[in-house]
Amino acid sequence: MKISISASSPAWDRDAFSDQLTYVQEAERMGAHAVWTVEGWGQDAVTPLAYLAARTKTIKLGTAIMQITARAPAMTAMTAMTLSSLSEGRFILGLGSSGPQLAGPR
């Protein structure tokens, strides 16, 4: 069985993100398969994963929902390729349309 965790503290709360780093590192030590981030409350899903990629070694790094309406497809692909390279292939790209609070009415 694979165990995954979520890390989604607001980037502007340095103490909360520091606690999330400790949480992710401990989960990795205990054998967790992946950590997932989401976009919401003014935070993107990718930047925290780049930070975690630099501070972890084996845990997979995934976007639970990287909002497709916020980026051009080419930018999404470039971002995914860059994070995959930085994390030595540990990145998992999860795409979605998100909710109205992020995507807005159409």
Protein backbone atom coordinates (compact mmCIF):
# COMPACT_ATOMS: atom_id res chain seq x y z
CA MET A 1 0.00 0.00 0.00
CA LYS A 2 1.23 3.48 -0.86
CA ILE A 3 0.76 6.27 1.66
CA SER A 4 0.55 9.89 0.54
CA ILE A 5 0.33 13.14 2.47
CA SER A 6 -0.74 16.69 1.74
CA ALA A 7 1.33 19.83 2.33
CA SER A 8 -0.64 22.99 1.78
CA SER A 9 0.24 25.64 4.34
CA PRO A 10 0.17 29.24 3.10
CA ALA A 11 3.51 30.38 1.70
CA TRP A 12 3.25 33.73 3.49
CA ASP A 13 3.25 32.00 6.91
CA ARG A 14 6.92 31.02 7.20
CA ASP A 15 6.44 29.18 10.51
CA ALA A 16 3.59 27.09 9.12
CA PHE A 17 5.62 26.18 6.05
CA SER A 18 8.60 25.30 8.21
CA ASP A 19 6.32 22.94 10.14
CA GLN A 20 5.13 21.45 6.82
CA LEU A 21 8.76 20.82 5.81
CA THR A 22 9.36 18.93 9.04
CA TYR A 23 6.15 16.97 8.46
CA VAL A 24 7.16 16.03 4.89
CA GLN A 25 10.69 15.06 5.88
CA GLU A 26 9.39 12.84 8.67
CA ALA A 27 6.83 11.25 6.33
CA GLU A 28 9.62 10.59 3.85
CA ARG A 29 11.74 9.01 6.59
CA MET A 30 8.81 6.75 7.45
CA GLY A 31 8.41 5.64 3.82
CA ALA A 32 5.57 7.80 2.50
CA HIS A 33 5.21 7.50 -1.27
CA ALA A 34 4.17 11.06 -2.19
CA VAL A 35 3.37 14.55 -0.97
CA TRP A 36 0.66 16.54 -2.76
CA THR A 37 0.06 20.29 -2.94
CA VAL A 38 -2.95 22.24 -4.16
CA GLU A 39 -3.57 25.74 -5.42
CA GLY A 40 -5.64 28.00 -3.26
CA TRP A 41 -5.66 30.95 -0.92
CA GLY A 42 -3.16 32.80 -3.12
CA GLN A 43 -0.59 29.99 -3.30
CA ASP A 44 0.43 28.04 -6.37
CA ALA A 45 1.01 24.28 -6.19
CA VAL A 46 4.46 24.17 -7.77
CA THR A 47 6.67 26.55 -5.78
CA PRO A 48 6.29 24.64 -2.49
CA LEU A 49 7.21 21.43 -4.35
CA ALA A 50 10.39 23.03 -5.70
CA TYR A 51 11.37 23.89 -2.13
CA LEU A 52 10.51 20.37 -0.95
CA ALA A 53 12.47 18.85 -3.84
CA ALA A 54 15.58 20.59 -2.54
CA ARG A 55 14.98 19.36 1.02
CA THR A 56 13.96 15.73 0.37
CA LYS A 57 15.46 12.78 -1.49
CA THR A 58 12.95 10.02 -2.25
CA ILE A 59 9.35 11.15 -1.71
CA LYS A 60 7.36 11.81 -4.91
CA LEU A 61 6.16 15.41 -5.36
CA GLY A 62 2.73 15.93 -6.86
CA THR A 63 0.28 18.67 -7.69
CA ALA A 64 -3.14 17.48 -6.58
CA ILE A 65 -4.65 20.12 -8.84
CA MET A 66 -2.55 22.49 -10.90
CA GLN A 67 -5.19 24.77 -12.35
CA ILE A 68 -5.17 24.59 -16.13
CA THR A 69 -7.11 27.81 -16.69
CA ALA A 70 -4.39 29.89 -15.00
CA ARG A 71 -1.57 28.94 -17.37
CA ALA A 72 -0.88 28.51 -21.04
CA PRO A 73 -0.39 24.84 -21.91
CA ALA A 74 3.23 25.47 -22.93
CA MET A 75 3.96 27.13 -19.57
CA THR A 76 2.42 24.17 -17.74
CA ALA A 77 4.61 21.78 -19.73
CA MET A 78 7.76 23.84 -19.12
CA THR A 79 7.02 24.06 -15.40
CA ALA A 80 6.43 20.31 -15.17
CA MET A 81 9.61 19.49 -17.08
CA THR A 82 11.68 21.84 -14.93
CA LEU A 83 10.35 20.46 -11.65
CA SER A 84 10.79 16.91 -12.90
CA SER A 85 14.41 17.67 -13.73
CA LEU A 86 15.07 19.47 -10.42
CA SER A 87 13.56 16.60 -8.44
CA GLU A 88 15.34 13.87 -10.45
CA GLY A 89 12.08 12.50 -11.83
CA ARG A 90 10.02 12.63 -8.63
CA PHE A 91 7.40 15.09 -9.91
CA ILE A 92 3.82 13.94 -10.59
CA LEU A 93 1.68 16.38 -12.57
CA GLY A 94 -1.96 16.56 -11.54
CA LEU A 95 -4.15 18.89 -13.61
CA GLY A 96 -7.67 20.14 -13.12
CA SER A 97 -10.01 23.05 -13.57
CA SER A 98 -10.26 23.81 -9.86
CA GLY A 99 -13.26 25.59 -8.40
CA PRO A 100 -14.97 28.92 -9.09
CA GLN A 101 -12.93 30.73 -6.45
CA LEU A 102 -9.83 30.18 -8.60
CA ALA A 103 -11.16 29.64 -12.11
CA GLY A 104 -13.97 32.19 -11.89
CA PRO A 105 -17.23 32.13 -13.80
CA ARG A 106 -17.11 31.42 -17.51
